[in-house]
């Protein structure tokens, strides 16, 4: 099911700076857009985010809008740079994993 969704959408994410993908996604952190450009949705704003560190050192960012929540799990990697859509675990609640050197402390 999630594989089907991935074939139908583009997901754009910038954890550091707000960006815009007109006409819908203005000054956002995460934007979901249909590949046929029929619809787009704001999944997160950079200004509405909290973060936590688990006891084993895993970092999680939690973003919110009035209608959606996005959880991004950060994985430090010098070699890989990718965003994986893990699941929509509940309607309008998304879980992602960002693997990147920018997920490492003081590497980006």
PDB file of N, CA and C in Angstrom:
ATOM      1  N   UNK A   1       0.823  -1.195   0.000  1.00  0.00           N
ATOM      2  CA  UNK A   1       0.000   0.000   0.000  1.00  0.00           C
ATOM      3  C   UNK A   1       0.870   1.265   0.000  1.00  0.00           C
ATOM      4  N   UNK A   2       1.877   1.320   0.884  1.00  0.00           N
ATOM      5  CA  UNK A   2       2.760   2.477   0.926  1.00  0.00           C
ATOM      6  C   UNK A   2       3.550   2.580  -0.378  1.00  0.00           C
ATOM      7  N   UNK A   3       3.921   1.436  -0.973  1.00  0.00           N
ATOM      8  CA  UNK A   3       4.635   1.447  -2.241  1.00  0.00           C
ATOM      9  C   UNK A   3       3.788   2.096  -3.329  1.00  0.00           C
ATOM     10  N   UNK A   4       2.466   1.855  -3.311  1.00  0.00           N
ATOM     11  CA  UNK A   4       1.562   2.481  -4.271  1.00  0.00           C
ATOM     12  C   UNK A   4       1.556   3.993  -4.117  1.00  0.00           C
ATOM     13  N   UNK A   5       1.529   4.465  -2.882  1.00  0.00           N
ATOM     14  CA  UNK A   5       1.535   5.900  -2.610  1.00  0.00           C
ATOM     15  C   UNK A   5       2.818   6.540  -3.136  1.00  0.00           C
ATOM     16  N   UNK A   6       3.946   5.886  -2.907  1.00  0.00           N
ATOM     17  CA  UNK A   6       5.238   6.424  -3.333  1.00  0.00           C
ATOM     18  C   UNK A   6       5.282   6.592  -4.848  1.00  0.00           C
ATOM     19  N   UNK A   7       4.598   5.743  -5.589  1.00  0.00           N
ATOM     20  CA  UNK A   7       4.566   5.846  -7.042  1.00  0.00           C
ATOM     21  C   UNK A   7       3.738   7.042  -7.516  1.00  0.00           C
ATOM     22  N   UNK A   8       2.863   7.561  -6.662  1.00  0.00           N
ATOM     23  CA  UNK A   8       1.933   8.614  -7.058  1.00  0.00           C
ATOM     24  C   UNK A   8       2.319  10.018  -6.609  1.00  0.00           C
ATOM     25  N   UNK A   9       3.277  10.133  -5.691  1.00  0.00           N
ATOM     26  CA  UNK A   9       3.582  11.447  -5.114  1.00  0.00           C
ATOM     27  C   UNK A   9       5.062  11.799  -5.184  1.00  0.00           C
ATOM     28  N   UNK A  10       5.327  13.096  -5.078  1.00  0.00           N
ATOM     29  CA  UNK A  10       6.646  13.630  -4.784  1.00  0.00           C
ATOM     30  C   UNK A  10       6.584  14.133  -3.357  1.00  0.00           C
ATOM     31  N   UNK A  11       7.660  13.929  -2.632  1.00  0.00           N
ATOM     32  CA  UNK A  11       7.757  14.454  -1.279  1.00  0.00           C
ATOM     33  C   UNK A  11       8.984  15.344  -1.234  1.00  0.00           C
ATOM     34  N   UNK A  12       8.796  16.596  -0.852  1.00  0.00           N
ATOM     35  CA  UNK A  12       9.893  17.550  -0.785  1.00  0.00           C
ATOM     36  C   UNK A  12      10.065  17.945   0.677  1.00  0.00           C
ATOM     37  N   UNK A  13      11.323  17.873   1.173  1.00  0.00           N
ATOM     38  CA  UNK A  13      11.589  18.122   2.588  1.00  0.00           C
ATOM     39  C   UNK A  13      12.871  18.923   2.736  1.00  0.00           C
ATOM     40  N   UNK A  14      12.809  19.970   3.538  1.00  0.00           N
ATOM     41  CA  UNK A  14      13.993  20.714   3.918  1.00  0.00           C
ATOM     42  C   UNK A  14      13.894  20.988   5.417  1.00  0.00           C
ATOM     43  N   UNK A  15      14.677  20.261   6.223  1.00  0.00           N
ATOM     44  CA  UNK A  15      14.593  20.437   7.675  1.00  0.00           C
ATOM     45  C   UNK A  15      15.199  21.737   8.177  1.00  0.00           C
ATOM     46  N   UNK A  16      15.987  22.397   7.335  1.00  0.00           N
ATOM     47  CA  UNK A  16      16.704  23.595   7.780  1.00  0.00           C
ATOM     48  C   UNK A  16      16.024  24.905   7.411  1.00  0.00           C
ATOM     49  N   UNK A  17      15.483  24.962   6.203  1.00  0.00           N
ATOM     50  CA  UNK A  17      14.925  26.216   5.705  1.00  0.00           C
ATOM     51  C   UNK A  17      13.550  26.005   5.079  1.00  0.00           C
ATOM     52  N   UNK A  18      12.673  26.959   5.311  1.00  0.00           N
ATOM     53  CA  UNK A  18      11.353  26.919   4.672  1.00  0.00           C
ATOM     54  C   UNK A  18      11.515  27.129   3.172  1.00  0.00           C
ATOM     55  N   UNK A  19      10.660  26.477   2.398  1.00  0.00           N
ATOM     56  CA  UNK A  19      10.677  26.617   0.943  1.00  0.00           C
ATOM     57  C   UNK A  19       9.239  26.713   0.451  1.00  0.00           C
ATOM     58  N   UNK A  20       9.078  27.017  -0.824  1.00  0.00           N
ATOM     59  CA  UNK A  20       7.741  27.134  -1.408  1.00  0.00           C
ATOM     60  C   UNK A  20       7.655  26.326  -2.698  1.00  0.00           C
ATOM     61  N   UNK A  21       6.541  25.639  -2.860  1.00  0.00           N
ATOM     62  CA  UNK A  21       6.166  24.937  -4.090  1.00  0.00           C
ATOM     63  C   UNK A  21       4.751  25.405  -4.386  1.00  0.00           C
ATOM     64  N   UNK A  22       4.641  26.400  -5.231  1.00  0.00           N
ATOM     65  CA  UNK A  22       3.329  27.009  -5.490  1.00  0.00           C
ATOM     66  C   UNK A  22       2.426  26.062  -6.257  1.00  0.00           C
ATOM     67  N   UNK A  23       1.123  26.146  -6.083  1.00  0.00           N
ATOM     68  CA  UNK A  23       0.427  27.234  -5.402  1.00  0.00           C
ATOM     69  C   UNK A  23       0.132  26.962  -3.930  1.00  0.00           C
ATOM     70  N   UNK A  24       0.228  25.715  -3.463  1.00  0.00           N
ATOM     71  CA  UNK A  24      -0.249  25.368  -2.125  1.00  0.00           C
ATOM     72  C   UNK A  24       0.808  25.475  -1.036  1.00  0.00           C
ATOM     73  N   UNK A  25       1.984  24.958  -1.280  1.00  0.00           N
ATOM     74  CA  UNK A  25       3.008  24.848  -0.245  1.00  0.00           C
ATOM     75  C   UNK A  25       3.870  26.108  -0.212  1.00  0.00           C
ATOM     76  N   UNK A  26       3.576  26.984   0.727  1.00  0.00           N
ATOM     77  CA  UNK A  26       4.295  28.245   0.858  1.00  0.00           C
ATOM     78  C   UNK A  26       4.957  28.281   2.238  1.00  0.00           C
ATOM     79  N   UNK A  27       6.275  28.500   2.251  1.00  0.00           N
ATOM     80  CA  UNK A  27       7.062  28.579   3.495  1.00  0.00           C
ATOM     81  C   UNK A  27       6.861  27.342   4.373  1.00  0.00           C
ATOM     82  N   UNK A  28       7.166  26.177   3.824  1.00  0.00           N
ATOM     83  CA  UNK A  28       6.932  24.903   4.509  1.00  0.00           C
ATOM     84  C   UNK A  28       8.230  24.132   4.717  1.00  0.00           C
ATOM     85  N   UNK A  29       8.144  23.077   5.517  1.00  0.00           N
ATOM     86  CA  UNK A  29       9.249  22.139   5.706  1.00  0.00           C
ATOM     87  C   UNK A  29       9.057  20.891   4.857  1.00  0.00           C
ATOM     88  N   UNK A  30       7.797  20.414   4.760  1.00  0.00           N
ATOM     89  CA  UNK A  30       7.487  19.217   3.974  1.00  0.00           C
ATOM     90  C   UNK A  30       6.259  19.489   3.110  1.00  0.00           C
ATOM     91  N   UNK A  31       6.391  19.164   1.819  1.00  0.00           N
ATOM     92  CA  UNK A  31       5.284  19.314   0.880  1.00  0.00           C
ATOM     93  C   UNK A  31       5.083  17.996   0.137  1.00  0.00           C
ATOM     94  N   UNK A  32       3.858  17.549   0.053  1.00  0.00           N
ATOM     95  CA  UNK A  32       3.500  16.356  -0.711  1.00  0.00           C
ATOM     96  C   UNK A  32       2.741  16.802  -1.947  1.00  0.00           C
ATOM     97  N   UNK A  33       3.208  16.380  -3.126  1.00  0.00           N
ATOM     98  CA  UNK A  33       2.586  16.783  -4.382  1.00  0.00           C
ATOM     99  C   UNK A  33       2.323  15.557  -5.240  1.00  0.00           C
ATOM    100  N   UNK A  34       1.142  15.486  -5.824  1.00  0.00           N
ATOM    101  CA  UNK A  34       0.834  14.401  -6.757  1.00  0.00           C
ATOM    102  C   UNK A  34       1.732  14.538  -7.977  1.00  0.00           C
ATOM    103  N   UNK A  35       2.225  13.415  -8.488  1.00  0.00           N
ATOM    104  CA  UNK A  35       3.106  13.465  -9.664  1.00  0.00           C
ATOM    105  C   UNK A  35       2.413  14.071 -10.868  1.00  0.00           C
ATOM    106  N   UNK A  36       1.092  13.946 -10.944  1.00  0.00           N
ATOM    107  CA  UNK A  36       0.363  14.566 -12.053  1.00  0.00           C
ATOM    108  C   UNK A  36       0.007  16.020 -11.759  1.00  0.00           C
ATOM    109  N   UNK A  37       0.484  16.538 -10.614  1.00  0.00           N
ATOM    110  CA  UNK A  37       0.295  17.920 -10.170  1.00  0.00           C
ATOM    111  C   UNK A  37      -1.168  18.293  -9.945  1.00  0.00           C
ATOM    112  N   UNK A  38      -2.011  17.296  -9.709  1.00  0.00           N
ATOM    113  CA  UNK A  38      -3.427  17.559  -9.477  1.00  0.00           C
ATOM    114  C   UNK A  38      -3.713  18.077  -8.068  1.00  0.00           C
ATOM    115  N   UNK A  39      -2.801  17.819  -7.135  1.00  0.00           N
ATOM    116  CA  UNK A  39      -3.015  18.256  -5.752  1.00  0.00           C
ATOM    117  C   UNK A  39      -1.677  18.340  -5.029  1.00  0.00           C
ATOM    118  N   UNK A  40      -1.624  19.189  -4.017  1.00  0.00           N
ATOM    119  CA  UNK A  40      -0.470  19.233  -3.132  1.00  0.00           C
ATOM    120  C   UNK A  40      -0.951  19.560  -1.725  1.00  0.00           C
ATOM    121  N   UNK A  41      -0.163  19.089  -0.737  1.00  0.00           N
ATOM    122  CA  UNK A  41      -0.555  19.224   0.659  1.00  0.00           C
ATOM    123  C   UNK A  41       0.635  19.652   1.492  1.00  0.00           C
ATOM    124  N   UNK A  42       0.372  20.536   2.427  1.00  0.00           N
ATOM    125  CA  UNK A  42       1.395  20.936   3.395  1.00  0.00           C
ATOM    126  C   UNK A  42       1.417  19.880   4.484  1.00  0.00           C
ATOM    127  N   UNK A  43       2.581  19.228   4.653  1.00  0.00           N
ATOM    128  CA  UNK A  43       2.711  18.231   5.716  1.00  0.00           C
ATOM    129  C   UNK A  43       3.395  18.788   6.950  1.00  0.00           C
ATOM    130  N   UNK A  44       4.163  19.886   6.789  1.00  0.00           N
ATOM    131  CA  UNK A  44       4.875  20.416   7.956  1.00  0.00           C
ATOM    132  C   UNK A  44       5.386  21.825   7.702  1.00  0.00           C
ATOM    133  N   UNK A  45       5.465  22.574   8.785  1.00  0.00           N
ATOM    134  CA  UNK A  45       6.091  23.896   8.800  1.00  0.00           C
ATOM    135  C   UNK A  45       7.354  23.828   9.656  1.00  0.00           C
ATOM    136  N   UNK A  46       8.407  24.529   9.253  1.00  0.00           N
ATOM    137  CA  UNK A  46       9.620  24.586  10.061  1.00  0.00           C
ATOM    138  C   UNK A  46       9.379  25.283  11.399  1.00  0.00           C
ATOM    139  N   UNK A  47       8.395  26.147  11.440  1.00  0.00           N
ATOM    140  CA  UNK A  47       8.138  26.927  12.654  1.00  0.00           C
ATOM    141  C   UNK A  47       7.347  26.157  13.712  1.00  0.00           C
ATOM    142  N   UNK A  48       6.778  25.014  13.341  1.00  0.00           N
ATOM    143  CA  UNK A  48       5.996  24.225  14.302  1.00  0.00           C
ATOM    144  C   UNK A  48       6.630  22.838  14.393  1.00  0.00           C
ATOM    145  N   UNK A  49       7.708  22.750  15.175  1.00  0.00           N
ATOM    146  CA  UNK A  49       8.446  21.494  15.292  1.00  0.00           C
ATOM    147  C   UNK A  49       8.988  21.343  16.710  1.00  0.00           C
ATOM    148  N   UNK A  50       8.973  20.117  17.179  1.00  0.00           N
ATOM    149  CA  UNK A  50       9.632  19.772  18.440  1.00  0.00           C
ATOM    150  C   UNK A  50      10.592  18.631  18.136  1.00  0.00           C
ATOM    151  N   UNK A  51      11.549  18.416  19.003  1.00  0.00           N
ATOM    152  CA  UNK A  51      12.472  17.316  18.784  1.00  0.00           C
ATOM    153  C   UNK A  51      12.782  16.628  20.095  1.00  0.00           C
ATOM    154  N   UNK A  52      13.202  15.382  19.972  1.00  0.00           N
ATOM    155  CA  UNK A  52      13.549  14.620  21.168  1.00  0.00           C
ATOM    156  C   UNK A  52      14.725  13.701  20.862  1.00  0.00           C
ATOM    157  N   UNK A  53      15.424  13.324  21.905  1.00  0.00           N
ATOM    158  CA  UNK A  53      16.527  12.370  21.805  1.00  0.00           C
ATOM    159  C   UNK A  53      16.211  11.221  22.755  1.00  0.00           C
ATOM    160  N   UNK A  54      16.189  10.007  22.214  1.00  0.00           N
ATOM    161  CA  UNK A  54      15.912   8.839  23.045  1.00  0.00           C
ATOM    162  C   UNK A  54      17.139   8.489  23.876  1.00  0.00           C
ATOM    163  N   UNK A  55      16.962   7.615  24.819  1.00  0.00           N
ATOM    164  CA  UNK A  55      18.048   7.208  25.700  1.00  0.00           C
ATOM    165  C   UNK A  55      19.216   6.603  24.930  1.00  0.00           C
ATOM    166  N   UNK A  56      18.913   5.994  23.760  1.00  0.00           N
ATOM    167  CA  UNK A  56      19.984   5.404  22.949  1.00  0.00           C
ATOM    168  C   UNK A  56      20.516   6.369  21.879  1.00  0.00           C
ATOM    169  N   UNK A  57      20.136   7.657  21.974  1.00  0.00           N
ATOM    170  CA  UNK A  57      20.700   8.688  21.120  1.00  0.00           C
ATOM    171  C   UNK A  57      19.985   8.927  19.801  1.00  0.00           C
ATOM    172  N   UNK A  58      18.840   8.301  19.567  1.00  0.00           N
ATOM    173  CA  UNK A  58      18.094   8.518  18.333  1.00  0.00           C
ATOM    174  C   UNK A  58      17.333   9.835  18.407  1.00  0.00           C
ATOM    175  N   UNK A  59      17.427  10.612  17.317  1.00  0.00           N
ATOM    176  CA  UNK A  59      16.796  11.934  17.275  1.00  0.00           C
ATOM    177  C   UNK A  59      15.541  11.872  16.403  1.00  0.00           C
ATOM    178  N   UNK A  60      14.470  12.463  16.901  1.00  0.00           N
ATOM    179  CA  UNK A  60      13.195  12.502  16.192  1.00  0.00           C
ATOM    180  C   UNK A  60      12.683  13.935  16.165  1.00  0.00           C
ATOM    181  N   UNK A  61      12.230  14.373  14.982  1.00  0.00           N
ATOM    182  CA  UNK A  61      11.587  15.671  14.820  1.00  0.00           C
ATOM    183  C   UNK A  61      10.100  15.433  14.630  1.00  0.00           C
ATOM    184  N   UNK A  62       9.273  16.209  15.307  1.00  0.00           N
ATOM    185  CA  UNK A  62       7.821  16.093  15.171  1.00  0.00           C
ATOM    186  C   UNK A  62       7.284  17.440  14.712  1.00  0.00           C
ATOM    187  N   UNK A  63       6.718  17.434  13.512  1.00  0.00           N
ATOM    188  CA  UNK A  63       6.150  18.634  12.893  1.00  0.00           C
ATOM    189  C   UNK A  63       4.637  18.562  12.944  1.00  0.00           C
ATOM    190  N   UNK A  64       4.003  19.742  12.908  1.00  0.00           N
ATOM    191  CA  UNK A  64       2.546  19.772  12.922  1.00  0.00           C
ATOM    192  C   UNK A  64       2.021  20.896  12.031  1.00  0.00           C
ATOM    193  N   UNK A  65       0.837  20.656  11.519  1.00  0.00           N
ATOM    194  CA  UNK A  65       0.023  21.703  10.908  1.00  0.00           C
ATOM    195  C   UNK A  65      -1.319  21.586  11.620  1.00  0.00           C
ATOM    196  N   UNK A  66      -2.285  22.380  11.226  1.00  0.00           N
ATOM    197  CA  UNK A  66      -3.596  22.264  11.870  1.00  0.00           C
ATOM    198  C   UNK A  66      -4.279  20.949  11.518  1.00  0.00           C
ATOM    199  N   UNK A  67      -3.873  20.320  10.399  1.00  0.00           N
ATOM    200  CA  UNK A  67      -4.538  19.101   9.945  1.00  0.00           C
ATOM    201  C   UNK A  67      -3.653  17.866   9.914  1.00  0.00           C
ATOM    202  N   UNK A  68      -2.332  18.015  10.004  1.00  0.00           N
ATOM    203  CA  UNK A  68      -1.432  16.883   9.815  1.00  0.00           C
ATOM    204  C   UNK A  68      -0.298  16.891  10.829  1.00  0.00           C
ATOM    205  N   UNK A  69       0.279  15.692  11.026  1.00  0.00           N
ATOM    206  CA  UNK A  69       1.475  15.547  11.851  1.00  0.00           C
ATOM    207  C   UNK A  69       2.480  14.699  11.083  1.00  0.00           C
ATOM    208  N   UNK A  70       3.748  15.107  11.128  1.00  0.00           N
ATOM    209  CA  UNK A  70       4.812  14.371  10.457  1.00  0.00           C
ATOM    210  C   UNK A  70       5.938  14.115  11.449  1.00  0.00           C
ATOM    211  N   UNK A  71       6.327  12.858  11.558  1.00  0.00           N
ATOM    212  CA  UNK A  71       7.439  12.465  12.417  1.00  0.00           C
ATOM    213  C   UNK A  71       8.601  12.092  11.517  1.00  0.00           C
ATOM    214  N   UNK A  72       9.763  12.696  11.764  1.00  0.00           N
ATOM    215  CA  UNK A  72      10.958  12.406  10.973  1.00  0.00           C
ATOM    216  C   UNK A  72      12.025  11.854  11.916  1.00  0.00           C
ATOM    217  N   UNK A  73      12.420  10.611  11.667  1.00  0.00           N
ATOM    218  CA  UNK A  73      13.482   9.961  12.423  1.00  0.00           C
ATOM    219  C   UNK A  73      14.799  10.261  11.715  1.00  0.00           C
ATOM    220  N   UNK A  74      15.779  10.778  12.448  1.00  0.00           N
ATOM    221  CA  UNK A  74      17.059  11.138  11.854  1.00  0.00           C
ATOM    222  C   UNK A  74      18.073  10.014  12.046  1.00  0.00           C
ATOM    223  N   UNK A  75      18.754   9.646  10.954  1.00  0.00           N
ATOM    224  CA  UNK A  75      19.783   8.615  10.997  1.00  0.00           C
ATOM    225  C   UNK A  75      21.059   9.211  10.396  1.00  0.00           C
ATOM    226  N   UNK A  76      22.122   9.226  11.183  1.00  0.00           N
ATOM    227  CA  UNK A  76      23.402   9.779  10.748  1.00  0.00           C
ATOM    228  C   UNK A  76      24.079   8.815   9.775  1.00  0.00           C
ATOM    229  N   UNK A  77      24.462   9.335   8.606  1.00  0.00           N
ATOM    230  CA  UNK A  77      25.197   8.534   7.617  1.00  0.00           C
ATOM    231  C   UNK A  77      26.046   9.453   6.763  1.00  0.00           C
ATOM    232  N   UNK A  78      27.320   9.142   6.626  1.00  0.00           N
ATOM    233  CA  UNK A  78      28.222   9.919   5.766  1.00  0.00           C
ATOM    234  C   UNK A  78      28.025   9.546   4.299  1.00  0.00           C
ATOM    235  N   UNK A  79      27.490   8.344   4.019  1.00  0.00           N
ATOM    236  CA  UNK A  79      27.406   7.844   2.651  1.00  0.00           C
ATOM    237  C   UNK A  79      26.038   7.986   1.998  1.00  0.00           C
ATOM    238  N   UNK A  80      24.972   7.942   2.771  1.00  0.00           N
ATOM    239  CA  UNK A  80      23.617   7.904   2.214  1.00  0.00           C
ATOM    240  C   UNK A  80      22.928   9.244   2.449  1.00  0.00           C
ATOM    241  N   UNK A  81      22.151   9.673   1.463  1.00  0.00           N
ATOM    242  CA  UNK A  81      21.355  10.896   1.586  1.00  0.00           C
ATOM    243  C   UNK A  81      19.974  10.596   0.998  1.00  0.00           C
ATOM    244  N   UNK A  82      19.020  10.220   1.866  1.00  0.00           N
ATOM    245  CA  UNK A  82      17.694   9.851   1.375  1.00  0.00           C
ATOM    246  C   UNK A  82      16.618  10.076   2.428  1.00  0.00           C
ATOM    247  N   UNK A  83      15.418  10.284   1.932  1.00  0.00           N
ATOM    248  CA  UNK A  83      14.231  10.394   2.777  1.00  0.00           C
ATOM    249  C   UNK A  83      13.323   9.224   2.424  1.00  0.00           C
ATOM    250  N   UNK A  84      12.981   8.435   3.414  1.00  0.00           N
ATOM    251  CA  UNK A  84      12.131   7.261   3.203  1.00  0.00           C
ATOM    252  C   UNK A  84      10.769   7.519   3.839  1.00  0.00           C
ATOM    253  N   UNK A  85       9.728   7.236   3.079  1.00  0.00           N
ATOM    254  CA  UNK A  85       8.368   7.296   3.614  1.00  0.00           C
ATOM    255  C   UNK A  85       8.109   5.962   4.299  1.00  0.00           C
ATOM    256  N   UNK A  86       8.014   5.965   5.622  1.00  0.00           N
ATOM    257  CA  UNK A  86       7.781   4.719   6.350  1.00  0.00           C
ATOM    258  C   UNK A  86       6.317   4.314   6.314  1.00  0.00           C
ATOM    259  N   UNK A  87       5.448   5.264   6.670  1.00  0.00           N
ATOM    260  CA  UNK A  87       4.021   4.924   6.703  1.00  0.00           C
ATOM    261  C   UNK A  87       3.172   6.152   7.006  1.00  0.00           C
ATOM    262  N   UNK A  88       1.911   6.035   6.667  1.00  0.00           N
ATOM    263  CA  UNK A  88       0.881   6.928   7.180  1.00  0.00           C
ATOM    264  C   UNK A  88       0.183   6.075   8.235  1.00  0.00           C
ATOM    265  N   UNK A  89       0.623   6.222   9.489  1.00  0.00           N
ATOM    266  CA  UNK A  89       0.196   5.301  10.539  1.00  0.00           C
ATOM    267  C   UNK A  89      -1.216   5.568  11.035  1.00  0.00           C
ATOM    268  N   UNK A  90      -1.735   6.678  10.660  1.00  0.00           N
ATOM    269  CA  UNK A  90      -3.097   7.076  10.989  1.00  0.00           C
ATOM    270  C   UNK A  90      -3.439   8.152   9.963  1.00  0.00           C
ATOM    271  N   UNK A  91      -4.688   8.398   9.693  1.00  0.00           N
ATOM    272  CA  UNK A  91      -5.033   9.392   8.679  1.00  0.00           C
ATOM    273  C   UNK A  91      -4.374  10.732   8.996  1.00  0.00           C
ATOM    274  N   UNK A  92      -3.617  11.259   8.027  1.00  0.00           N
ATOM    275  CA  UNK A  92      -2.912  12.539   8.138  1.00  0.00           C
ATOM    276  C   UNK A  92      -1.798  12.552   9.181  1.00  0.00           C
ATOM    277  N   UNK A  93      -1.293  11.383   9.540  1.00  0.00           N
ATOM    278  CA  UNK A  93      -0.152  11.258  10.450  1.00  0.00           C
ATOM    279  C   UNK A  93       0.916  10.416   9.742  1.00  0.00           C
ATOM    280  N   UNK A  94       2.071  11.039   9.472  1.00  0.00           N
ATOM    281  CA  UNK A  94       3.088  10.431   8.631  1.00  0.00           C
ATOM    282  C   UNK A  94       4.361  10.160   9.411  1.00  0.00           C
ATOM    283  N   UNK A  95       5.084   9.127   8.979  1.00  0.00           N
ATOM    284  CA  UNK A  95       6.356   8.777   9.588  1.00  0.00           C
ATOM    285  C   UNK A  95       7.395   8.621   8.483  1.00  0.00           C
ATOM    286  N   UNK A  96       8.525   9.330   8.635  1.00  0.00           N
ATOM    287  CA  UNK A  96       9.603   9.318   7.657  1.00  0.00           C
ATOM    288  C   UNK A  96      10.924   9.029   8.358  1.00  0.00           C
ATOM    289  N   UNK A  97      11.912   8.628   7.571  1.00  0.00           N
ATOM    290  CA  UNK A  97      13.282   8.509   8.064  1.00  0.00           C
ATOM    291  C   UNK A  97      14.200   9.274   7.120  1.00  0.00           C
ATOM    292  N   UNK A  98      14.938  10.224   7.680  1.00  0.00           N
ATOM    293  CA  UNK A  98      15.941  10.969   6.929  1.00  0.00           C
ATOM    294  C   UNK A  98      17.307  10.408   7.288  1.00  0.00           C
ATOM    295  N   UNK A  99      17.979   9.850   6.291  1.00  0.00           N
ATOM    296  CA  UNK A  99      19.335   9.342   6.460  1.00  0.00           C
ATOM    297  C   UNK A  99      20.256  10.278   5.691  1.00  0.00           C
ATOM    298  N   UNK A 100      21.193  10.898   6.422  1.00  0.00           N
ATOM    299  CA  UNK A 100      22.021  11.934   5.796  1.00  0.00           C
ATOM    300  C   UNK A 100      23.156  12.325   6.728  1.00  0.00           C
ATOM    301  N   UNK A 101      24.200  12.936   6.163  1.00  0.00           N
ATOM    302  CA  UNK A 101      25.247  13.511   7.016  1.00  0.00           C
ATOM    303  C   UNK A 101      24.692  14.674   7.820  1.00  0.00           C
ATOM    304  N   UNK A 102      23.619  15.295   7.297  1.00  0.00           N
ATOM    305  CA  UNK A 102      22.995  16.409   8.013  1.00  0.00           C
ATOM    306  C   UNK A 102      22.197  15.948   9.233  1.00  0.00           C
ATOM    307  N   UNK A 103      22.030  14.635   9.377  1.00  0.00           N
ATOM    308  CA  UNK A 103      21.392  14.089  10.570  1.00  0.00           C
ATOM    309  C   UNK A 103      22.429  13.798  11.659  1.00  0.00           C
ATOM    310  N   UNK A 104      23.694  14.038  11.347  1.00  0.00           N
ATOM    311  CA  UNK A 104      24.775  13.852  12.313  1.00  0.00           C
ATOM    312  C   UNK A 104      25.034  15.158  13.053  1.00  0.00           C
ATOM    313  N   UNK A 105      25.442  15.047  14.307  1.00  0.00           N
ATOM    314  CA  UNK A 105      25.779  16.248  15.066  1.00  0.00           C
ATOM    315  C   UNK A 105      26.944  16.956  14.402  1.00  0.00           C
ATOM    316  N   UNK A 106      26.824  18.241  14.188  1.00  0.00           N
ATOM    317  CA  UNK A 106      27.826  19.152  13.604  1.00  0.00           C
ATOM    318  C   UNK A 106      28.504  18.632  12.325  1.00  0.00           C
ATOM    319  N   UNK A 107      27.752  18.015  11.458  1.00  0.00           N
ATOM    320  CA  UNK A 107      28.295  17.530  10.184  1.00  0.00           C
ATOM    321  C   UNK A 107      27.748  18.305   9.001  1.00  0.00           C
ATOM    322  N   UNK A 108      26.791  19.169   9.201  1.00  0.00           N
ATOM    323  CA  UNK A 108      26.175  19.838   8.070  1.00  0.00           C
ATOM    324  C   UNK A 108      26.093  21.327   8.313  1.00  0.00           C
TER     325      UNK A 108
END
